[in-house]
Amino acid sequence: MKKHNTKTETRQILSSELHIDDYQRKLCGSRVNRIVQEFDPDLVNYIKCSRRKNGTLYIFDGQHTRAALERRNGNKPVMVQCRIYEFAGLTDSERYDLECKLFAKQNGIARDVPLGEKLIAEFKSKDPKATEFYNCSNIAGLVMDFTRAGGEGKIRCVREALRAWEMLGDDLYQDMLRIIVETWGLDEDGLRGEIIGGLAIFINAYRGRYDRKRLVKKLSVKKPVEIIRDGNSCSEQSKKKYARQIENVYSKGTKYQLYGI
């Protein structure tokens, strides 16, 4: 990040003058309801804003607080206490990137930012790790946009996919995704967390010792929901139980059994 000076001031601003940019999570109604129900004026957090070059203020921490205060005011704009950050020496584009980083790193009493939303913000701020993970995941007709929205070919299990990528590295992670597509196409069930987590453990355990063609052929005769069902019948809580189901399917019909997961 380019060097800059940060100036702050605290003052009241009319809530309607505060803007939300696209790196923010969607407003959660239940979260707003809880703030309203448990409202204590002594515990209201400052709404943190960044002042862009044209003077416009963008919230990077506190949109739920603003919504709750407006709700308490009959769903009308209200004066709110803000801490305004001015990042001198940065362009608006660079300010945007910094806001994304600040949003992604925020945590505390209000609520930890969910992983998918952190990754969206980090990706938009051009964070190298988030960008590499995004690029590695969007292959073979698959889509990873860090949201949990459904759809054919959509990787919804962001946390499991990230763990798989960190475990396997770029090349093996991408090959794992291709194996899934070659085996079950873009079926949503083949992209569930149980399958991605289990297959990542299998591939990691048997690096260089499994036959890729055999793996695709053997798995293709079993639906992913069956692998998940068989895994769920085991009492173990970790994703290893799904890896063992994959191991059993792969080894069936050969004297060369794989064991070790």
C-alpha atoms as a PDB file:
ATOM      1  CA  MET A   1       0.000   0.000   0.000  1.00  0.00           C
ATOM      2  CA  LYS A   2       1.220   3.475  -0.921  1.00  0.00           C
ATOM      3  CA  LYS A   3       2.380   5.615   1.989  1.00  0.00           C
ATOM      4  CA  HIS A   4      -0.284   7.933   3.347  1.00  0.00           C
ATOM      5  CA  ASN A   5      -1.236  10.026   6.348  1.00  0.00           C
ATOM      6  CA  THR A   6      -4.371   9.168   8.303  1.00  0.00           C
ATOM      7  CA  LYS A   7      -6.378  11.971   9.840  1.00  0.00           C
ATOM      8  CA  THR A   8      -9.438  11.295  12.003  1.00  0.00           C
ATOM      9  CA  GLU A   9     -12.244  13.350  13.424  1.00  0.00           C
ATOM     10  CA  THR A  10     -15.356  12.474  15.400  1.00  0.00           C
ATOM     11  CA  ARG A  11     -18.650  14.228  14.811  1.00  0.00           C
ATOM     12  CA  GLN A  12     -22.333  13.696  14.157  1.00  0.00           C
ATOM     13  CA  ILE A  13     -23.513  13.144  10.592  1.00  0.00           C
ATOM     14  CA  LEU A  14     -27.016  12.659   9.185  1.00  0.00           C
ATOM     15  CA  SER A  15     -27.261   8.923   8.457  1.00  0.00           C
ATOM     16  CA  SER A  16     -28.607   9.484   4.926  1.00  0.00           C
ATOM     17  CA  GLU A  17     -25.281  11.139   4.015  1.00  0.00           C
ATOM     18  CA  LEU A  18     -23.355   7.903   4.651  1.00  0.00           C
ATOM     19  CA  HIS A  19     -22.823   5.533   1.730  1.00  0.00           C
ATOM     20  CA  ILE A  20     -22.191   1.776   1.407  1.00  0.00           C
ATOM     21  CA  ASP A  21     -19.827   0.364  -1.239  1.00  0.00           C
ATOM     22  CA  ASP A  22     -19.961  -3.047  -2.904  1.00  0.00           C
ATOM     23  CA  TYR A  23     -17.310  -4.733  -0.703  1.00  0.00           C
ATOM     24  CA  GLN A  24     -19.717  -4.613   2.252  1.00  0.00           C
ATOM     25  CA  ARG A  25     -21.764  -7.605   3.339  1.00  0.00           C
ATOM     26  CA  LYS A  26     -25.507  -7.437   2.689  1.00  0.00           C
ATOM     27  CA  LEU A  27     -27.537  -5.936   5.498  1.00  0.00           C
ATOM     28  CA  CYS A  28     -28.690  -8.698   7.864  1.00  0.00           C
ATOM     29  CA  GLY A  29     -32.219  -8.036   9.142  1.00  0.00           C
ATOM     30  CA  SER A  30     -31.889 -10.329  12.151  1.00  0.00           C
ATOM     31  CA  ARG A  31     -28.678  -8.564  13.149  1.00  0.00           C
ATOM     32  CA  VAL A  32     -30.420  -5.175  12.979  1.00  0.00           C
ATOM     33  CA  ASN A  33     -33.355  -6.555  15.002  1.00  0.00           C
ATOM     34  CA  ARG A  34     -31.020  -7.781  17.727  1.00  0.00           C
ATOM     35  CA  ILE A  35     -29.269  -4.403  17.989  1.00  0.00           C
ATOM     36  CA  VAL A  36     -32.662  -2.687  18.285  1.00  0.00           C
ATOM     37  CA  GLN A  37     -33.960  -5.142  20.895  1.00  0.00           C
ATOM     38  CA  GLU A  38     -30.791  -4.969  23.008  1.00  0.00           C
ATOM     39  CA  PHE A  39     -30.214  -1.265  22.436  1.00  0.00           C
ATOM     40  CA  ASP A  40     -28.164   0.527  25.077  1.00  0.00           C
ATOM     41  CA  PRO A  41     -27.213   4.135  24.239  1.00  0.00           C
ATOM     42  CA  ASP A  42     -24.058   3.810  26.343  1.00  0.00           C
ATOM     43  CA  LEU A  43     -22.802   0.949  24.175  1.00  0.00           C
ATOM     44  CA  VAL A  44     -23.433   2.340  20.685  1.00  0.00           C
ATOM     45  CA  ASN A  45     -20.272   2.039  18.609  1.00  0.00           C
ATOM     46  CA  TYR A  46     -18.972   4.815  16.406  1.00  0.00           C
ATOM     47  CA  ILE A  47     -19.787   4.341  12.742  1.00  0.00           C
ATOM     48  CA  LYS A  48     -16.432   4.325  10.961  1.00  0.00           C
ATOM     49  CA  CYS A  49     -16.292   6.084   7.608  1.00  0.00           C
ATOM     50  CA  SER A  50     -13.746   6.939   4.962  1.00  0.00           C
ATOM     51  CA  ARG A  51     -13.881  10.338   3.300  1.00  0.00           C
ATOM     52  CA  ARG A  52     -13.289  10.055  -0.421  1.00  0.00           C
ATOM     53  CA  LYS A  53     -11.689  12.829  -2.457  1.00  0.00           C
ATOM     54  CA  ASN A  54     -15.034  14.456  -3.348  1.00  0.00           C
ATOM     55  CA  GLY A  55     -16.007  14.565   0.332  1.00  0.00           C
ATOM     56  CA  THR A  56     -18.420  11.620   0.157  1.00  0.00           C
ATOM     57  CA  LEU A  57     -18.396   9.406   3.254  1.00  0.00           C
ATOM     58  CA  TYR A  58     -18.351   5.600   2.911  1.00  0.00           C
ATOM     59  CA  ILE A  59     -19.023   3.302   5.876  1.00  0.00           C
ATOM     60  CA  PHE A  60     -16.486   0.517   6.320  1.00  0.00           C
ATOM     61  CA  ASP A  61     -17.635  -0.525   9.806  1.00  0.00           C
ATOM     62  CA  GLY A  62     -21.105   0.067  11.223  1.00  0.00           C
ATOM     63  CA  GLN A  63     -23.796  -0.219   8.571  1.00  0.00           C
ATOM     64  CA  HIS A  64     -25.907  -2.391  10.911  1.00  0.00           C
ATOM     65  CA  THR A  65     -25.594   0.201  13.661  1.00  0.00           C
ATOM     66  CA  ARG A  66     -26.795   2.888  11.250  1.00  0.00           C
ATOM     67  CA  ALA A  67     -29.759   0.749  10.167  1.00  0.00           C
ATOM     68  CA  ALA A  68     -30.713   0.059  13.797  1.00  0.00           C
ATOM     69  CA  LEU A  69     -30.573   3.744  14.726  1.00  0.00           C
ATOM     70  CA  GLU A  70     -32.755   4.609  11.734  1.00  0.00           C
ATOM     71  CA  ARG A  71     -35.174   1.839  12.725  1.00  0.00           C
ATOM     72  CA  ARG A  72     -35.456   3.355  16.178  1.00  0.00           C
ATOM     73  CA  ASN A  73     -36.164   6.703  14.531  1.00  0.00           C
ATOM     74  CA  GLY A  74     -39.176   5.410  12.613  1.00  0.00           C
ATOM     75  CA  ASN A  75     -37.068   4.295   9.632  1.00  0.00           C
ATOM     76  CA  LYS A  76     -36.032   7.887   8.989  1.00  0.00           C
ATOM     77  CA  PRO A  77     -32.536   9.444   8.768  1.00  0.00           C
ATOM     78  CA  VAL A  78     -31.049  10.313  12.137  1.00  0.00           C
ATOM     79  CA  MET A  79     -27.923  12.064  13.383  1.00  0.00           C
ATOM     80  CA  VAL A  80     -25.278   9.410  14.173  1.00  0.00           C
ATOM     81  CA  GLN A  81     -21.888   9.575  15.835  1.00  0.00           C
ATOM     82  CA  CYS A  82     -19.150   8.921  13.277  1.00  0.00           C
ATOM     83  CA  ARG A  83     -15.412   8.514  13.317  1.00  0.00           C
ATOM     84  CA  ILE A  84     -14.255   9.846   9.980  1.00  0.00           C
ATOM     85  CA  TYR A  85     -10.957   8.710   8.471  1.00  0.00           C
ATOM     86  CA  GLU A  86      -9.233  10.733   5.801  1.00  0.00           C
ATOM     87  CA  PHE A  87      -6.385   8.927   4.074  1.00  0.00           C
ATOM     88  CA  ALA A  88      -4.338  11.811   2.726  1.00  0.00           C
ATOM     89  CA  GLY A  89      -2.031  11.072  -0.196  1.00  0.00           C
ATOM     90  CA  LEU A  90      -4.214   8.344  -1.754  1.00  0.00           C
ATOM     91  CA  THR A  91      -6.387   8.414  -4.851  1.00  0.00           C
ATOM     92  CA  ASP A  92     -10.037   7.344  -4.523  1.00  0.00           C
ATOM     93  CA  SER A  93      -9.101   3.979  -6.025  1.00  0.00           C
ATOM     94  CA  GLU A  94      -6.380   3.526  -3.403  1.00  0.00           C
ATOM     95  CA  ARG A  95      -8.785   4.669  -0.667  1.00  0.00           C
ATOM     96  CA  TYR A  96     -11.250   2.043  -1.876  1.00  0.00           C
ATOM     97  CA  ASP A  97      -8.555  -0.650  -1.659  1.00  0.00           C
ATOM     98  CA  LEU A  98      -7.665   0.436   1.877  1.00  0.00           C
ATOM     99  CA  GLU A  99     -11.327   0.459   2.930  1.00  0.00           C
ATOM    100  CA  CYS A 100     -11.635  -3.110   1.657  1.00  0.00           C
ATOM    101  CA  LYS A 101      -8.647  -4.159   3.748  1.00  0.00           C
ATOM    102  CA  LEU A 102      -9.989  -2.442   6.851  1.00  0.00           C
ATOM    103  CA  PHE A 103     -13.410  -4.036   6.389  1.00  0.00           C
ATOM    104  CA  ALA A 104     -11.855  -7.477   5.879  1.00  0.00           C
ATOM    105  CA  LYS A 105      -9.765  -7.182   9.050  1.00  0.00           C
ATOM    106  CA  GLN A 106     -12.458  -5.772  11.301  1.00  0.00           C
ATOM    107  CA  ASN A 107     -13.747  -7.873  14.186  1.00  0.00           C
ATOM    108  CA  GLY A 108     -14.992  -7.394  17.692  1.00  0.00           C
ATOM    109  CA  ILE A 109     -18.252  -7.052  19.583  1.00  0.00           C
ATOM    110  CA  ALA A 110     -20.362  -6.310  16.523  1.00  0.00           C
ATOM    111  CA  ARG A 111     -19.622  -9.561  14.668  1.00  0.00           C
ATOM    112  CA  ASP A 112     -16.647 -11.199  13.022  1.00  0.00           C
ATOM    113  CA  VAL A 113     -16.797 -10.713   9.291  1.00  0.00           C
ATOM    114  CA  PRO A 114     -17.700 -14.079   7.667  1.00  0.00           C
ATOM    115  CA  LEU A 115     -14.943 -15.705   5.632  1.00  0.00           C
ATOM    116  CA  GLY A 116     -16.661 -15.268   2.266  1.00  0.00           C
ATOM    117  CA  GLU A 117     -17.199 -11.574   2.898  1.00  0.00           C
ATOM    118  CA  LYS A 118     -13.608 -11.124   4.038  1.00  0.00           C
ATOM    119  CA  LEU A 119     -12.421 -12.768   0.842  1.00  0.00           C
ATOM    120  CA  ILE A 120     -14.691 -10.587  -1.299  1.00  0.00           C
ATOM    121  CA  ALA A 121     -13.234  -7.485   0.327  1.00  0.00           C
ATOM    122  CA  GLU A 122      -9.680  -8.803   0.085  1.00  0.00           C
ATOM    123  CA  PHE A 123     -10.199  -9.771  -3.570  1.00  0.00           C
ATOM    124  CA  LYS A 124     -11.573  -6.336  -4.391  1.00  0.00           C
ATOM    125  CA  SER A 125      -8.560  -4.773  -2.652  1.00  0.00           C
ATOM    126  CA  LYS A 126      -6.318  -6.922  -4.915  1.00  0.00           C
ATOM    127  CA  ASP A 127      -4.964  -8.968  -2.011  1.00  0.00           C
ATOM    128  CA  PRO A 128      -2.507 -11.484  -3.591  1.00  0.00           C
ATOM    129  CA  LYS A 129      -3.716 -14.515  -1.613  1.00  0.00           C
ATOM    130  CA  ALA A 130      -7.414 -13.896  -2.277  1.00  0.00           C
ATOM    131  CA  THR A 131      -6.704 -13.202  -5.946  1.00  0.00           C
ATOM    132  CA  GLU A 132      -4.677 -16.392  -6.380  1.00  0.00           C
ATOM    133  CA  PHE A 133      -7.348 -18.476  -4.633  1.00  0.00           C
ATOM    134  CA  TYR A 134     -10.034 -16.908  -6.840  1.00  0.00           C
ATOM    135  CA  ASN A 135      -8.066 -17.560 -10.036  1.00  0.00           C
ATOM    136  CA  CYS A 136      -7.321 -21.161  -9.044  1.00  0.00           C
ATOM    137  CA  SER A 137     -10.985 -21.847  -8.267  1.00  0.00           C
ATOM    138  CA  ASN A 138     -12.550 -20.424 -11.422  1.00  0.00           C
ATOM    139  CA  ILE A 139     -11.533 -23.194 -13.793  1.00  0.00           C
ATOM    140  CA  ALA A 140     -13.167 -26.044 -15.731  1.00  0.00           C
ATOM    141  CA  GLY A 141     -16.508 -24.228 -15.856  1.00  0.00           C
ATOM    142  CA  LEU A 142     -16.619 -23.738 -12.090  1.00  0.00           C
ATOM    143  CA  VAL A 143     -17.483 -20.468 -10.378  1.00  0.00           C
ATOM    144  CA  MET A 144     -16.126 -19.192  -7.067  1.00  0.00           C
ATOM    145  CA  ASP A 145     -17.295 -15.687  -6.150  1.00  0.00           C
ATOM    146  CA  PHE A 146     -16.990 -16.097  -2.355  1.00  0.00           C
ATOM    147  CA  THR A 147     -20.771 -16.074  -1.832  1.00  0.00           C
ATOM    148  CA  ARG A 148     -23.024 -18.969  -0.810  1.00  0.00           C
ATOM    149  CA  ALA A 149     -25.477 -18.421  -3.664  1.00  0.00           C
ATOM    150  CA  GLY A 150     -26.372 -21.674  -5.405  1.00  0.00           C
ATOM    151  CA  GLY A 151     -26.250 -22.653  -9.058  1.00  0.00           C
ATOM    152  CA  GLU A 152     -24.743 -25.209 -11.426  1.00  0.00           C
ATOM    153  CA  GLY A 153     -20.963 -25.291 -11.149  1.00  0.00           C
ATOM    154  CA  LYS A 154     -20.995 -22.925  -8.175  1.00  0.00           C
ATOM    155  CA  ILE A 155     -18.512 -23.609  -5.349  1.00  0.00           C
ATOM    156  CA  ARG A 156     -20.515 -22.570  -2.288  1.00  0.00           C
ATOM    157  CA  CYS A 157     -18.350 -24.106   0.444  1.00  0.00           C
ATOM    158  CA  VAL A 158     -15.807 -21.292   0.555  1.00  0.00           C
ATOM    159  CA  ARG A 159     -14.192 -22.417   3.813  1.00  0.00           C
ATOM    160  CA  GLU A 160     -13.636 -26.016   2.669  1.00  0.00           C
ATOM    161  CA  ALA A 161     -12.345 -24.898  -0.729  1.00  0.00           C
ATOM    162  CA  LEU A 162      -9.879 -22.535   0.941  1.00  0.00           C
ATOM    163  CA  ARG A 163      -8.664 -25.300   3.252  1.00  0.00           C
ATOM    164  CA  ALA A 164      -8.224 -27.610   0.251  1.00  0.00           C
ATOM    165  CA  TRP A 165      -6.239 -24.977  -1.640  1.00  0.00           C
ATOM    166  CA  GLU A 166      -4.001 -24.275   1.349  1.00  0.00           C
ATOM    167  CA  MET A 167      -3.469 -28.026   1.862  1.00  0.00           C
ATOM    168  CA  LEU A 168      -2.785 -29.001  -1.751  1.00  0.00           C
ATOM    169  CA  GLY A 169      -1.299 -25.929  -3.405  1.00  0.00           C
ATOM    170  CA  ASP A 170      -2.328 -24.488  -6.773  1.00  0.00           C
ATOM    171  CA  ASP A 171      -1.703 -27.436  -9.093  1.00  0.00           C
ATOM    172  CA  LEU A 172      -3.188 -30.254  -6.997  1.00  0.00           C
ATOM    173  CA  TYR A 173      -6.127 -28.090  -5.939  1.00  0.00           C
ATOM    174  CA  GLN A 174      -6.970 -27.308  -9.558  1.00  0.00           C
ATOM    175  CA  ASP A 175      -6.585 -30.965 -10.529  1.00  0.00           C
ATOM    176  CA  MET A 176      -8.921 -31.923  -7.666  1.00  0.00           C
ATOM    177  CA  LEU A 177     -11.555 -29.562  -9.092  1.00  0.00           C
ATOM    178  CA  ARG A 178     -11.053 -31.023 -12.565  1.00  0.00           C
ATOM    179  CA  ILE A 179     -11.456 -34.534 -11.142  1.00  0.00           C
ATOM    180  CA  ILE A 180     -14.790 -33.489  -9.643  1.00  0.00           C
ATOM    181  CA  VAL A 181     -15.995 -32.041 -12.954  1.00  0.00           C
ATOM    182  CA  GLU A 182     -14.791 -35.073 -14.932  1.00  0.00           C
ATOM    183  CA  THR A 183     -16.550 -37.370 -12.470  1.00  0.00           C
ATOM    184  CA  TRP A 184     -19.873 -35.647 -11.773  1.00  0.00           C
ATOM    185  CA  GLY A 185     -19.981 -32.685 -14.145  1.00  0.00           C
ATOM    186  CA  LEU A 186     -21.186 -29.424 -12.616  1.00  0.00           C
ATOM    187  CA  ASP A 187     -23.597 -31.172 -10.235  1.00  0.00           C
ATOM    188  CA  GLU A 188     -24.012 -29.068  -7.082  1.00  0.00           C
ATOM    189  CA  ASP A 189     -23.747 -32.176  -4.884  1.00  0.00           C
ATOM    190  CA  GLY A 190     -20.253 -32.876  -6.215  1.00  0.00           C
ATOM    191  CA  LEU A 191     -19.189 -29.431  -5.038  1.00  0.00           C
ATOM    192  CA  ARG A 192     -20.452 -29.751  -1.486  1.00  0.00           C
ATOM    193  CA  GLY A 193     -18.040 -29.241   1.396  1.00  0.00           C
ATOM    194  CA  GLU A 194     -18.079 -32.916   2.324  1.00  0.00           C
ATOM    195  CA  ILE A 195     -16.857 -33.927  -1.139  1.00  0.00           C
ATOM    196  CA  ILE A 196     -14.280 -31.166  -1.548  1.00  0.00           C
ATOM    197  CA  GLY A 197     -12.965 -31.676   1.994  1.00  0.00           C
ATOM    198  CA  GLY A 198     -12.867 -35.467   1.704  1.00  0.00           C
ATOM    199  CA  LEU A 199     -11.280 -35.544  -1.743  1.00  0.00           C
ATOM    200  CA  ALA A 200      -8.629 -33.013  -0.679  1.00  0.00           C
ATOM    201  CA  ILE A 201      -7.662 -35.247   2.266  1.00  0.00           C
ATOM    202  CA  PHE A 202      -7.535 -38.310  -0.009  1.00  0.00           C
ATOM    203  CA  ILE A 203      -5.348 -36.581  -2.606  1.00  0.00           C
ATOM    204  CA  ASN A 204      -3.065 -35.154   0.054  1.00  0.00           C
ATOM    205  CA  ALA A 205      -2.670 -38.531   1.784  1.00  0.00           C
ATOM    206  CA  TYR A 206      -1.834 -40.387  -1.441  1.00  0.00           C
ATOM    207  CA  ARG A 207       0.146 -37.800  -3.415  1.00  0.00           C
ATOM    208  CA  GLY A 208       1.740 -39.613  -6.367  1.00  0.00           C
ATOM    209  CA  ARG A 209       0.368 -43.000  -5.238  1.00  0.00           C
ATOM    210  CA  TYR A 210      -3.119 -43.032  -6.731  1.00  0.00           C
ATOM    211  CA  ASP A 211      -4.131 -43.596 -10.336  1.00  0.00           C
ATOM    212  CA  ARG A 212      -6.059 -40.548 -11.491  1.00  0.00           C
ATOM    213  CA  LYS A 213      -7.973 -42.342 -14.257  1.00  0.00           C
ATOM    214  CA  ARG A 214      -9.003 -45.083 -11.841  1.00  0.00           C
ATOM    215  CA  LEU A 215     -10.151 -42.508  -9.305  1.00  0.00           C
ATOM    216  CA  VAL A 216     -12.439 -40.801 -11.837  1.00  0.00           C
ATOM    217  CA  LYS A 217     -13.758 -44.115 -13.161  1.00  0.00           C
ATOM    218  CA  LYS A 218     -14.507 -45.607  -9.731  1.00  0.00           C
ATOM    219  CA  LEU A 219     -16.071 -42.449  -8.311  1.00  0.00           C
ATOM    220  CA  SER A 220     -18.262 -41.923 -11.376  1.00  0.00           C
ATOM    221  CA  VAL A 221     -20.384 -44.986 -10.508  1.00  0.00           C
ATOM    222  CA  LYS A 222     -21.285 -43.554  -7.127  1.00  0.00           C
ATOM    223  CA  LYS A 223     -23.309 -40.405  -6.607  1.00  0.00           C
ATOM    224  CA  PRO A 224     -21.772 -37.753  -4.357  1.00  0.00           C
ATOM    225  CA  VAL A 225     -24.851 -37.829  -2.119  1.00  0.00           C
ATOM    226  CA  GLU A 226     -24.181 -41.541  -1.522  1.00  0.00           C
ATOM    227  CA  ILE A 227     -20.606 -40.802  -0.447  1.00  0.00           C
ATOM    228  CA  ILE A 228     -21.910 -38.125   1.897  1.00  0.00           C
ATOM    229  CA  ARG A 229     -24.623 -40.415   3.248  1.00  0.00           C
ATOM    230  CA  ASP A 230     -22.140 -43.226   3.933  1.00  0.00           C
ATOM    231  CA  GLY A 231     -19.796 -40.783   5.609  1.00  0.00           C
ATOM    232  CA  ASN A 232     -22.582 -39.394   7.773  1.00  0.00           C
ATOM    233  CA  SER A 233     -23.288 -42.897   9.046  1.00  0.00           C
ATOM    234  CA  CYS A 234     -19.907 -42.794  10.813  1.00  0.00           C
ATOM    235  CA  SER A 235     -19.653 -41.220  14.249  1.00  0.00           C
ATOM    236  CA  GLU A 236     -16.423 -39.373  13.455  1.00  0.00           C
ATOM    237  CA  GLN A 237     -16.861 -35.611  13.100  1.00  0.00           C
ATOM    238  CA  SER A 238     -13.955 -34.686  10.784  1.00  0.00           C
ATOM    239  CA  LYS A 239     -13.902 -34.668   6.975  1.00  0.00           C
ATOM    240  CA  LYS A 240     -11.718 -37.786   7.162  1.00  0.00           C
ATOM    241  CA  LYS A 241     -14.868 -39.899   7.257  1.00  0.00           C
ATOM    242  CA  TYR A 242     -15.697 -38.720   3.707  1.00  0.00           C
ATOM    243  CA  ALA A 243     -12.097 -39.261   2.627  1.00  0.00           C
ATOM    244  CA  ARG A 244     -12.360 -42.859   3.854  1.00  0.00           C
ATOM    245  CA  GLN A 245     -15.499 -43.388   1.764  1.00  0.00           C
ATOM    246  CA  ILE A 246     -13.602 -42.134  -1.294  1.00  0.00           C
ATOM    247  CA  GLU A 247     -10.715 -44.418  -0.327  1.00  0.00           C
ATOM    248  CA  ASN A 248     -13.086 -47.410  -0.109  1.00  0.00           C
ATOM    249  CA  VAL A 249     -14.651 -46.677  -3.513  1.00  0.00           C
ATOM    250  CA  TYR A 250     -11.228 -46.286  -5.123  1.00  0.00           C
ATOM    251  CA  SER A 251      -9.843 -49.506  -3.646  1.00  0.00           C
ATOM    252  CA  LYS A 252     -12.875 -51.715  -4.301  1.00  0.00           C
ATOM    253  CA  GLY A 253     -12.143 -54.561  -6.706  1.00  0.00           C
ATOM    254  CA  THR A 254      -8.375 -54.527  -6.421  1.00  0.00           C
ATOM    255  CA  LYS A 255      -5.901 -56.376  -4.241  1.00  0.00           C
ATOM    256  CA  TYR A 256      -3.918 -53.164  -3.893  1.00  0.00           C
ATOM    257  CA  GLN A 257      -5.802 -51.583  -1.029  1.00  0.00           C
ATOM    258  CA  LEU A 258      -4.976 -48.070   0.097  1.00  0.00           C
ATOM    259  CA  TYR A 259      -5.013 -47.492   3.817  1.00  0.00           C
ATOM    260  CA  GLY A 260      -3.711 -44.692   5.925  1.00  0.00           C
ATOM    261  CA  ILE A 261      -6.295 -41.923   6.112  1.00  0.00           C
END
